[in-house]
Amino acid sequence: MERVIKLDGVHNFRDYGLYQGADGARIKGGLLWRSAQHGDASPADLAAIDALGLKTVIDLRGPSERDAKPCRRSESFSAQVFAYPEETAGLALHTEAADGVVTEAEARAAMLRLYEGISTRENLVPMLRCHFEVLKRAEGPSLVHCVAGKDRTGFAVALVQHALGVSRDDIVADYLLTNVAGNIEARIAAGAEQIRAHRGPISDATIRVLMGVEEEYIVAAFDAVDASHGGMDAYLADVIGIDPAAVQGLRRDYLD
């Protein structure tokens, strides 16, 4: 089964299952999907997405982001869409990080600060809980996405993969796959337009730091969770409401 689905206008669309999980079992394919926004989807994209049989979509964007780029849907689209009624980021995290930065080093430092706080973002945590509640229902294929499908989505996916017993190395590898999945140059070009519209002149090199992902970003999120909760398991139980019994239920449903 192919992990990455190459689409015309929806970037970073891929299966985040298929990795080895707990007790050597492999995560089932075709059930756990992630992507960037669908506002630029072509008719062919919509047909390909419909073919996946999605039952639920978790849209991590806030209202202003959804209004700015509404997701395109086919006439036959029937998945239930979950979204938060208040802002989850104000702007996409990479755009938020661009505030006041000029150099690549400043951009990288800003991204690290955002990731250090991503696990406690007040209006993101409810959507992380929603994501897990959807997965607990095990009604069929689901999709989680934000704007670029890399920051909020990347953290949400990392939590699910951890719960399913995926190794830290594979979680990081899947996170870094954002840099090669889909047309990264097109994503950077689109991001540059958005960032410059909000923040003014910023170099291409700096925008690449903001639009891409780096291992130290997601590690910063892991380290923050370790520091505040003593580990991902405790964070899942205490903040997201996924206790050991819920973890075992997810593993029964999603591991071969």
Protein backbone atom coordinates (compact mmCIF):
# COMPACT_ATOMS: atom_id res chain seq x y z
CA MET A 1 0.00 0.00 0.00
CA GLU A 2 1.32 3.45 -0.93
CA ARG A 3 1.82 5.75 2.07
CA VAL A 4 1.75 9.05 0.15
CA ILE A 5 -1.07 9.98 -2.23
CA LYS A 6 0.11 12.56 -4.74
CA LEU A 7 -2.69 15.01 -5.47
CA ASP A 8 -2.87 18.16 -7.56
CA GLY A 9 -3.91 20.71 -4.96
CA VAL A 10 -3.90 18.92 -1.60
CA HIS A 11 -0.39 18.59 -0.27
CA ASN A 12 1.11 16.24 2.27
CA PHE A 13 -1.72 13.70 1.93
CA ARG A 14 -0.63 10.40 3.45
CA ASP A 15 -1.40 7.36 5.54
CA TYR A 16 0.16 7.69 8.99
CA GLY A 17 -0.53 4.06 9.79
CA LEU A 18 1.46 1.11 8.38
CA TYR A 19 4.25 1.50 10.96
CA GLN A 20 5.14 -1.21 13.45
CA GLY A 21 3.28 -0.64 16.69
CA ALA A 22 2.98 -2.35 20.06
CA ASP A 23 4.12 -5.97 20.43
CA GLY A 24 5.42 -6.09 16.87
CA ALA A 25 1.97 -5.62 15.34
CA ARG A 26 1.60 -3.27 12.38
CA ILE A 27 -0.89 -0.41 12.19
CA LYS A 28 -3.59 -1.16 9.65
CA GLY A 29 -3.39 0.77 6.40
CA GLY A 30 -6.17 2.88 4.93
CA LEU A 31 -7.68 4.01 8.23
CA LEU A 32 -5.51 6.89 9.44
CA TRP A 33 -4.95 9.78 7.05
CA ARG A 34 -3.36 13.22 7.38
CA SER A 35 -3.03 16.14 4.99
CA ALA A 36 -2.87 19.87 4.43
CA GLN A 37 -6.01 21.94 3.68
CA HIS A 38 -8.31 21.00 0.81
CA GLY A 39 -9.23 24.47 -0.45
CA ASP A 40 -7.22 24.01 -3.63
CA ALA A 41 -8.36 20.46 -4.39
CA SER A 42 -8.91 19.62 -8.04
CA PRO A 43 -11.85 17.50 -9.25
CA ALA A 44 -9.41 14.58 -9.57
CA ASP A 45 -8.29 15.16 -6.00
CA LEU A 46 -11.87 15.08 -4.75
CA ALA A 47 -12.47 11.80 -6.55
CA ALA A 48 -9.32 10.27 -5.06
CA ILE A 49 -10.30 11.42 -1.57
CA ASP A 50 -13.84 10.04 -1.98
CA ALA A 51 -12.33 6.68 -2.93
CA LEU A 52 -10.81 6.40 0.55
CA GLY A 53 -14.25 6.09 2.13
CA LEU A 54 -13.62 8.67 4.84
CA LYS A 55 -16.11 8.58 7.70
CA THR A 56 -14.73 11.51 9.69
CA VAL A 57 -12.56 14.58 9.14
CA ILE A 58 -10.92 16.47 12.01
CA ASP A 59 -10.14 20.01 10.85
CA LEU A 60 -7.68 21.57 13.30
CA ARG A 61 -7.96 25.04 11.76
CA GLY A 62 -9.77 27.90 13.44
CA PRO A 63 -12.74 29.77 11.93
CA SER A 64 -10.64 32.48 10.27
CA GLU A 65 -8.48 29.87 8.56
CA ARG A 66 -11.53 27.90 7.41
CA ASP A 67 -13.19 31.07 6.11
CA ALA A 68 -10.04 32.09 4.24
CA LYS A 69 -9.72 28.72 2.50
CA PRO A 70 -12.89 26.59 2.69
CA CYS A 71 -12.30 22.93 1.94
CA ARG A 72 -13.62 21.79 -1.40
CA ARG A 73 -15.88 18.73 -1.28
CA SER A 74 -17.40 16.55 -3.97
CA GLU A 75 -21.16 16.22 -4.29
CA SER A 76 -20.91 12.71 -2.85
CA PHE A 77 -18.78 13.68 0.17
CA SER A 78 -20.48 12.31 3.28
CA ALA A 79 -17.85 12.30 6.04
CA GLN A 80 -18.69 13.97 9.34
CA VAL A 81 -16.45 17.02 9.84
CA PHE A 82 -15.33 18.13 13.30
CA ALA A 83 -13.95 21.63 13.85
CA TYR A 84 -13.48 23.94 16.83
CA PRO A 85 -15.71 27.04 16.96
CA GLU A 86 -12.91 29.28 18.22
CA GLU A 87 -9.42 30.02 16.93
CA THR A 88 -6.90 27.19 17.37
CA ALA A 89 -3.93 29.21 16.18
CA GLY A 90 -5.14 32.60 14.93
CA LEU A 91 -2.94 31.91 11.92
CA ALA A 92 -1.24 28.73 10.82
CA LEU A 93 1.65 28.11 13.21
CA HIS A 94 4.30 28.71 10.57
CA THR A 95 2.68 32.08 9.80
CA GLU A 96 2.40 32.91 13.48
CA ALA A 97 6.08 32.06 13.93
CA ALA A 98 7.01 34.54 11.18
CA ASP A 99 6.04 37.50 13.36
CA GLY A 100 9.13 39.66 13.81
CA VAL A 101 11.61 37.20 12.29
CA VAL A 102 14.12 38.10 9.59
CA THR A 103 16.86 35.48 9.67
CA GLU A 104 16.79 31.69 9.42
CA ALA A 105 18.04 31.46 13.01
CA GLU A 106 15.21 33.67 14.25
CA ALA A 107 12.68 31.59 12.32
CA ARG A 108 14.03 28.34 13.78
CA ALA A 109 13.96 29.77 17.31
CA ALA A 110 10.36 30.92 16.80
CA MET A 111 9.30 27.48 15.57
CA LEU A 112 10.95 25.87 18.58
CA ARG A 113 9.07 28.19 20.93
CA LEU A 114 5.78 27.29 19.26
CA TYR A 115 6.47 23.58 19.55
CA GLU A 116 7.46 23.93 23.19
CA GLY A 117 3.94 25.20 23.84
CA ILE A 118 1.93 23.20 21.32
CA SER A 119 0.79 20.57 23.84
CA THR A 120 -0.91 23.21 25.99
CA ARG A 121 -2.45 25.49 23.36
CA GLU A 122 -5.80 26.28 24.94
CA ASN A 123 -7.97 25.90 21.86
CA LEU A 124 -5.98 23.07 20.28
CA VAL A 125 -6.22 20.62 23.17
CA PRO A 126 -10.02 20.20 22.74
CA MET A 127 -9.46 19.20 19.12
CA LEU A 128 -6.76 16.73 20.13
CA ARG A 129 -9.33 15.19 22.47
CA CYS A 130 -11.88 15.21 19.65
CA HIS A 131 -9.42 13.42 17.38
CA PHE A 132 -9.00 10.61 19.89
CA GLU A 133 -12.74 10.38 20.54
CA VAL A 134 -13.27 9.89 16.82
CA LEU A 135 -10.62 7.19 16.71
CA LYS A 136 -12.14 5.43 19.72
CA ARG A 137 -15.41 5.11 17.79
CA ALA A 138 -13.54 3.13 15.12
CA GLU A 139 -16.20 3.82 12.52
CA GLY A 140 -13.85 3.71 9.55
CA PRO A 141 -11.19 5.81 7.85
CA SER A 142 -10.51 9.25 9.34
CA LEU A 143 -8.51 12.26 8.22
CA VAL A 144 -6.86 14.93 10.36
CA HIS A 145 -5.57 18.15 8.81
CA CYS A 146 -4.76 21.81 9.44
CA VAL A 147 -3.37 24.35 6.94
CA ALA A 148 -0.04 22.83 5.91
CA GLY A 149 -0.63 19.51 7.66
CA LYS A 150 2.68 19.70 9.49
CA ASP A 151 2.55 21.43 12.90
CA ARG A 152 -0.81 20.96 14.62
CA THR A 153 -1.40 17.88 12.49
CA GLY A 154 2.13 16.65 13.11
CA PHE A 155 1.68 16.79 16.87
CA ALA A 156 -1.78 15.20 16.73
CA VAL A 157 -0.43 12.34 14.61
CA ALA A 158 2.58 11.85 16.89
CA LEU A 159 0.22 11.39 19.85
CA VAL A 160 -1.80 8.73 18.04
CA GLN A 161 1.28 6.91 16.83
CA HIS A 162 2.71 6.92 20.36
CA ALA A 163 -0.53 5.51 21.75
CA LEU A 164 -0.36 2.71 19.17
CA GLY A 165 3.18 1.84 20.21
CA VAL A 166 5.13 3.29 17.27
CA SER A 167 8.81 3.83 18.09
CA ARG A 168 10.09 7.36 18.64
CA ASP A 169 12.38 6.97 15.61
CA ASP A 170 9.45 6.07 13.35
CA ILE A 171 7.32 8.90 14.77
CA VAL A 172 10.08 11.37 13.93
CA ALA A 173 10.60 9.82 10.50
CA ASP A 174 6.89 10.18 9.71
CA TYR A 175 6.97 13.78 10.92
CA LEU A 176 9.93 14.54 8.65
CA LEU A 177 8.17 12.96 5.68
CA THR A 178 6.36 16.29 5.36
CA ASN A 179 9.52 17.61 3.69
CA VAL A 180 9.24 15.14 0.81
CA ALA A 181 5.52 14.31 0.62
CA GLY A 182 3.79 16.14 -2.19
CA ASN A 183 5.11 19.26 -3.90
CA ILE A 184 7.14 21.03 -1.23
CA GLU A 185 8.17 23.82 -3.58
CA ALA A 186 4.51 24.60 -4.26
CA ARG A 187 3.82 24.57 -0.51
CA ILE A 188 6.72 26.92 0.09
CA ALA A 189 5.51 29.25 -2.66
CA ALA A 190 2.00 29.29 -1.21
CA GLY A 191 3.36 29.79 2.29
CA ALA A 192 5.59 32.62 1.12
CA GLU A 193 2.61 34.47 -0.31
CA GLN A 194 0.64 34.06 2.91
CA ILE A 195 3.53 34.93 5.22
CA ARG A 196 4.59 38.00 3.24
CA ALA A 197 0.99 39.18 3.10
CA HIS A 198 0.88 39.23 6.89
CA ARG A 199 4.51 39.95 7.83
CA GLY A 200 6.15 41.82 4.96
CA PRO A 201 9.48 41.01 3.27
CA ILE A 202 11.09 37.78 4.48
CA SER A 203 13.84 35.89 2.64
CA ASP A 204 13.16 32.64 0.80
CA ALA A 205 15.60 30.82 3.10
CA THR A 206 13.74 31.99 6.18
CA ILE A 207 10.40 30.94 4.69
CA ARG A 208 11.82 27.48 3.97
CA VAL A 209 12.62 27.10 7.69
CA LEU A 210 9.05 28.11 8.56
CA MET A 211 7.36 25.96 5.91
CA GLY A 212 9.42 22.83 6.41
CA VAL A 213 9.83 20.63 9.46
CA GLU A 214 12.94 19.75 11.43
CA GLU A 215 13.54 16.99 13.94
CA GLU A 216 14.29 19.46 16.70
CA TYR A 217 10.79 20.96 16.38
CA ILE A 218 8.91 17.78 17.29
CA VAL A 219 11.57 16.84 19.84
CA ALA A 220 10.96 20.19 21.53
CA ALA A 221 7.28 19.23 21.86
CA PHE A 222 8.20 15.82 23.29
CA ASP A 223 10.63 17.39 25.75
CA ALA A 224 8.01 19.89 26.92
CA VAL A 225 5.53 17.07 27.55
CA ASP A 226 8.20 15.12 29.44
CA ALA A 227 8.99 18.14 31.57
CA SER A 228 5.38 19.00 32.38
CA HIS A 229 3.84 15.52 32.70
CA GLY A 230 6.67 13.04 33.00
CA GLY A 231 6.03 11.49 29.62
CA MET A 232 3.60 11.06 26.76
CA ASP A 233 1.57 8.35 28.50
CA ALA A 234 0.81 10.64 31.44
CA TYR A 235 -0.01 13.53 29.08
CA LEU A 236 -2.42 11.35 27.13
CA ALA A 237 -4.14 10.23 30.34
CA ASP A 238 -4.17 13.54 32.22
CA VAL A 239 -4.77 16.04 29.39
CA ILE A 240 -6.32 14.13 26.50
CA GLY A 241 -8.30 11.64 28.56
CA ILE A 242 -6.74 8.54 27.00
CA ASP A 243 -5.97 6.22 29.90
CA PRO A 244 -4.31 2.78 29.60
CA ALA A 245 -7.66 1.09 29.00
CA ALA A 246 -8.41 3.48 26.12
CA VAL A 247 -4.94 2.86 24.70
CA GLN A 248 -5.59 -0.87 24.69
CA GLY A 249 -8.90 -0.28 22.92
CA LEU A 250 -7.19 1.76 20.20
CA ARG A 251 -4.60 -0.95 19.75
CA ARG A 252 -7.29 -3.59 19.36
CA ASP A 253 -8.98 -1.52 16.67
CA TYR A 254 -5.99 -0.26 14.70
CA LEU A 255 -3.25 -2.90 14.98
CA ASP A 256 -3.17 -5.99 12.79
